[in-house]
């Protein structure tokens, strides 16, 4: 299992397009992928889950990957989240 703490730097947070991109990329992996904000954890492969977190700019999240491709999943999703700068 890999856990990584990140800060949302995108001016709009994890809403609409960034959330959709995250779900699309997370769905490529077999690993279980979750995102947690303030003690609430959601499946990163669920658009409704991601949107329900209300992760705005400056929010601290924890990305967790667990499974056979967890390392690749973690790295790609971290890179993706860090690329959401507007």
N, C-alpha and C. Protein backbone atom coordinates (compact mmCIF):
# COMPACT_ATOMS: atom_id res chain seq x y z
N UNK A 1 0.85 -1.18 0.00
CA UNK A 1 0.00 0.00 0.00
C UNK A 1 0.89 1.24 0.00
N UNK A 2 0.50 2.21 -0.81
CA UNK A 2 1.23 3.47 -0.90
C UNK A 2 0.29 4.59 -0.50
N UNK A 3 0.77 5.47 0.38
CA UNK A 3 0.00 6.64 0.79
C UNK A 3 0.82 7.89 0.50
N UNK A 4 0.16 8.88 -0.04
CA UNK A 4 0.84 10.13 -0.35
C UNK A 4 -0.08 11.30 0.02
N UNK A 5 0.45 12.26 0.74
CA UNK A 5 -0.29 13.46 1.11
C UNK A 5 0.01 14.56 0.09
N UNK A 6 -1.03 15.20 -0.38
CA UNK A 6 -0.88 16.23 -1.41
C UNK A 6 -1.74 17.44 -1.07
N UNK A 7 -1.38 18.57 -1.64
CA UNK A 7 -2.21 19.77 -1.52
C UNK A 7 -2.75 20.09 -2.91
N UNK A 8 -4.03 20.40 -2.97
CA UNK A 8 -4.66 20.77 -4.24
C UNK A 8 -4.22 22.18 -4.59
N UNK A 9 -3.58 22.35 -5.75
CA UNK A 9 -3.08 23.66 -6.16
C UNK A 9 -3.90 24.28 -7.28
N UNK A 10 -4.77 23.51 -7.89
CA UNK A 10 -5.62 24.01 -8.97
C UNK A 10 -6.59 25.05 -8.41
N UNK A 11 -6.75 26.16 -9.11
CA UNK A 11 -7.61 27.25 -8.61
C UNK A 11 -9.06 26.83 -8.44
N UNK A 12 -9.52 25.85 -9.20
CA UNK A 12 -10.91 25.40 -9.07
C UNK A 12 -11.03 24.14 -8.22
N UNK A 13 -9.93 23.62 -7.72
CA UNK A 13 -9.96 22.41 -6.91
C UNK A 13 -10.26 21.18 -7.75
N UNK A 14 -10.75 20.13 -7.09
CA UNK A 14 -11.09 18.89 -7.80
C UNK A 14 -12.55 18.93 -8.22
N UNK A 15 -12.86 19.78 -9.17
CA UNK A 15 -14.23 19.91 -9.66
C UNK A 15 -14.24 19.70 -11.16
N UNK A 16 -15.37 19.26 -11.67
CA UNK A 16 -15.63 19.10 -13.11
C UNK A 16 -14.50 18.43 -13.87
N UNK A 17 -13.79 19.18 -14.67
CA UNK A 17 -12.78 18.60 -15.56
C UNK A 17 -11.64 17.90 -14.81
N UNK A 18 -11.03 18.51 -13.78
CA UNK A 18 -9.97 17.79 -13.07
C UNK A 18 -10.46 16.48 -12.44
N UNK A 19 -11.66 16.50 -11.88
CA UNK A 19 -12.21 15.28 -11.26
C UNK A 19 -12.44 14.22 -12.32
N UNK A 20 -12.95 14.63 -13.47
CA UNK A 20 -13.20 13.68 -14.56
C UNK A 20 -11.89 13.07 -15.05
N UNK A 21 -10.86 13.89 -15.20
CA UNK A 21 -9.55 13.39 -15.62
C UNK A 21 -8.98 12.42 -14.60
N UNK A 22 -9.15 12.74 -13.33
CA UNK A 22 -8.64 11.87 -12.26
C UNK A 22 -9.34 10.51 -12.30
N UNK A 23 -10.65 10.51 -12.41
CA UNK A 23 -11.42 9.26 -12.45
C UNK A 23 -11.05 8.43 -13.67
N UNK A 24 -10.93 9.09 -14.81
CA UNK A 24 -10.56 8.40 -16.05
C UNK A 24 -9.21 7.71 -15.91
N UNK A 25 -8.24 8.40 -15.33
CA UNK A 25 -6.91 7.82 -15.17
C UNK A 25 -6.88 6.76 -14.08
N UNK A 26 -7.57 6.97 -12.98
CA UNK A 26 -7.61 5.98 -11.91
C UNK A 26 -8.24 4.68 -12.38
N UNK A 27 -9.22 4.78 -13.26
CA UNK A 27 -9.95 3.60 -13.74
C UNK A 27 -9.09 2.68 -14.60
N UNK A 28 -7.95 3.15 -15.05
CA UNK A 28 -7.04 2.32 -15.86
C UNK A 28 -6.34 1.26 -15.03
N UNK A 29 -6.33 1.45 -13.72
CA UNK A 29 -5.55 0.57 -12.84
C UNK A 29 -6.42 -0.45 -12.13
N UNK A 30 -5.81 -1.60 -11.83
CA UNK A 30 -6.51 -2.67 -11.11
C UNK A 30 -6.52 -2.41 -9.61
N UNK A 31 -5.58 -1.63 -9.13
CA UNK A 31 -5.46 -1.35 -7.69
C UNK A 31 -6.68 -0.61 -7.16
N UNK A 32 -6.90 -0.80 -5.85
CA UNK A 32 -7.90 -0.01 -5.16
C UNK A 32 -7.27 1.35 -4.90
N UNK A 33 -7.96 2.42 -5.30
CA UNK A 33 -7.42 3.76 -5.17
C UNK A 33 -8.45 4.62 -4.42
N UNK A 34 -8.00 5.22 -3.33
CA UNK A 34 -8.90 6.08 -2.57
C UNK A 34 -8.28 7.45 -2.36
N UNK A 35 -9.16 8.42 -2.17
CA UNK A 35 -8.74 9.77 -1.83
C UNK A 35 -9.48 10.14 -0.55
N UNK A 36 -8.71 10.66 0.40
CA UNK A 36 -9.29 11.04 1.68
C UNK A 36 -9.07 12.52 1.93
N UNK A 37 -10.12 13.16 2.43
CA UNK A 37 -10.02 14.57 2.83
C UNK A 37 -10.77 14.71 4.14
N UNK A 38 -10.08 15.22 5.15
CA UNK A 38 -10.66 15.47 6.47
C UNK A 38 -11.39 14.24 7.02
N UNK A 39 -10.75 13.08 6.90
CA UNK A 39 -11.30 11.84 7.46
C UNK A 39 -12.35 11.15 6.62
N UNK A 40 -12.73 11.73 5.49
CA UNK A 40 -13.73 11.12 4.60
C UNK A 40 -13.01 10.55 3.40
N UNK A 41 -13.21 9.25 3.16
CA UNK A 41 -12.51 8.54 2.09
C UNK A 41 -13.49 8.13 1.00
N UNK A 42 -13.07 8.34 -0.27
CA UNK A 42 -13.91 7.96 -1.41
C UNK A 42 -13.09 7.19 -2.43
N UNK A 43 -13.78 6.43 -3.25
CA UNK A 43 -13.16 5.68 -4.34
C UNK A 43 -12.75 6.67 -5.43
N UNK A 44 -11.48 6.67 -5.81
CA UNK A 44 -10.99 7.59 -6.83
C UNK A 44 -11.50 7.25 -8.22
N UNK A 45 -12.21 6.15 -8.35
CA UNK A 45 -12.78 5.76 -9.64
C UNK A 45 -14.24 6.19 -9.74
N UNK A 46 -14.71 6.97 -8.76
CA UNK A 46 -16.10 7.43 -8.72
C UNK A 46 -16.16 8.95 -8.84
N UNK A 47 -16.74 9.44 -9.93
CA UNK A 47 -16.83 10.89 -10.13
C UNK A 47 -17.67 11.53 -9.03
N UNK A 48 -18.75 10.89 -8.64
CA UNK A 48 -19.59 11.45 -7.57
C UNK A 48 -18.84 11.49 -6.24
N UNK A 49 -18.05 10.46 -5.99
CA UNK A 49 -17.25 10.43 -4.77
C UNK A 49 -16.25 11.58 -4.73
N UNK A 50 -15.54 11.76 -5.82
CA UNK A 50 -14.53 12.83 -5.90
C UNK A 50 -15.19 14.20 -5.72
N UNK A 51 -16.27 14.43 -6.44
CA UNK A 51 -16.95 15.72 -6.35
C UNK A 51 -17.51 15.96 -4.95
N UNK A 52 -17.96 14.90 -4.29
CA UNK A 52 -18.55 15.06 -2.95
C UNK A 52 -17.53 15.46 -1.89
N UNK A 53 -16.25 15.29 -2.16
CA UNK A 53 -15.23 15.69 -1.19
C UNK A 53 -15.14 17.21 -1.03
N UNK A 54 -15.51 17.93 -2.07
CA UNK A 54 -15.40 19.39 -2.00
C UNK A 54 -13.96 19.84 -1.80
N UNK A 55 -13.05 19.23 -2.54
CA UNK A 55 -11.62 19.55 -2.41
C UNK A 55 -11.30 20.81 -3.21
N UNK A 56 -11.24 21.93 -2.50
CA UNK A 56 -10.94 23.21 -3.12
C UNK A 56 -9.44 23.47 -3.11
N UNK A 57 -9.04 24.57 -3.75
CA UNK A 57 -7.63 24.95 -3.74
C UNK A 57 -7.15 25.07 -2.30
N UNK A 58 -6.01 24.47 -2.02
CA UNK A 58 -5.43 24.49 -0.68
C UNK A 58 -5.84 23.31 0.18
N UNK A 59 -6.80 22.51 -0.28
CA UNK A 59 -7.22 21.33 0.48
C UNK A 59 -6.08 20.33 0.53
N UNK A 60 -5.95 19.67 1.68
CA UNK A 60 -4.97 18.59 1.84
C UNK A 60 -5.70 17.28 1.67
N UNK A 61 -5.18 16.42 0.80
CA UNK A 61 -5.79 15.11 0.56
C UNK A 61 -4.74 14.02 0.77
N UNK A 62 -5.23 12.80 0.95
CA UNK A 62 -4.35 11.64 1.03
C UNK A 62 -4.77 10.68 -0.07
N UNK A 63 -3.83 10.36 -0.95
CA UNK A 63 -4.04 9.39 -2.03
C UNK A 63 -3.48 8.05 -1.56
N UNK A 64 -4.30 7.01 -1.64
CA UNK A 64 -3.86 5.68 -1.24
C UNK A 64 -4.09 4.72 -2.40
N UNK A 65 -3.07 3.95 -2.74
CA UNK A 65 -3.20 2.92 -3.77
C UNK A 65 -2.81 1.59 -3.14
N UNK A 66 -3.56 0.55 -3.50
CA UNK A 66 -3.28 -0.77 -2.95
C UNK A 66 -3.64 -1.83 -3.99
N UNK A 67 -2.63 -2.60 -4.40
CA UNK A 67 -2.87 -3.66 -5.37
C UNK A 67 -1.65 -3.93 -6.22
N UNK A 68 -1.85 -4.74 -7.24
CA UNK A 68 -0.72 -5.20 -8.05
C UNK A 68 -0.02 -4.10 -8.83
N UNK A 69 -0.71 -3.02 -9.19
CA UNK A 69 -0.07 -1.94 -9.94
C UNK A 69 -0.06 -0.64 -9.12
N UNK A 70 0.02 -0.78 -7.80
CA UNK A 70 -0.07 0.37 -6.90
C UNK A 70 1.02 1.42 -7.11
N UNK A 71 2.24 0.99 -7.40
CA UNK A 71 3.32 1.95 -7.59
C UNK A 71 3.11 2.80 -8.83
N UNK A 72 2.76 2.16 -9.93
CA UNK A 72 2.51 2.89 -11.16
C UNK A 72 1.29 3.79 -11.01
N UNK A 73 0.25 3.28 -10.38
CA UNK A 73 -0.96 4.07 -10.17
C UNK A 73 -0.66 5.31 -9.33
N UNK A 74 0.05 5.12 -8.23
CA UNK A 74 0.38 6.24 -7.35
C UNK A 74 1.17 7.30 -8.10
N UNK A 75 2.20 6.89 -8.82
CA UNK A 75 3.05 7.86 -9.51
C UNK A 75 2.28 8.63 -10.58
N UNK A 76 1.50 7.91 -11.38
CA UNK A 76 0.75 8.59 -12.45
C UNK A 76 -0.30 9.54 -11.90
N UNK A 77 -0.98 9.14 -10.83
CA UNK A 77 -2.02 10.00 -10.28
C UNK A 77 -1.43 11.19 -9.53
N UNK A 78 -0.29 11.01 -8.88
CA UNK A 78 0.39 12.14 -8.24
C UNK A 78 0.82 13.14 -9.31
N UNK A 79 1.41 12.64 -10.39
CA UNK A 79 1.82 13.51 -11.49
C UNK A 79 0.63 14.26 -12.06
N UNK A 80 -0.49 13.55 -12.23
CA UNK A 80 -1.69 14.16 -12.77
C UNK A 80 -2.22 15.25 -11.83
N UNK A 81 -2.33 14.93 -10.55
CA UNK A 81 -2.82 15.92 -9.58
C UNK A 81 -1.91 17.16 -9.52
N UNK A 82 -0.62 16.94 -9.63
CA UNK A 82 0.33 18.07 -9.62
C UNK A 82 0.29 18.87 -10.90
N UNK A 83 -0.26 18.31 -11.97
CA UNK A 83 -0.33 19.03 -13.25
C UNK A 83 -1.56 19.93 -13.34
N UNK A 84 -2.49 19.79 -12.40
CA UNK A 84 -3.72 20.59 -12.41
C UNK A 84 -3.47 21.98 -11.86
N UNK A 85 -2.70 22.78 -12.57
CA UNK A 85 -2.42 24.13 -12.13
C UNK A 85 -3.03 25.08 -13.16
N UNK A 86 -3.90 25.93 -12.69
CA UNK A 86 -4.54 26.91 -13.60
C UNK A 86 -4.24 28.30 -13.15
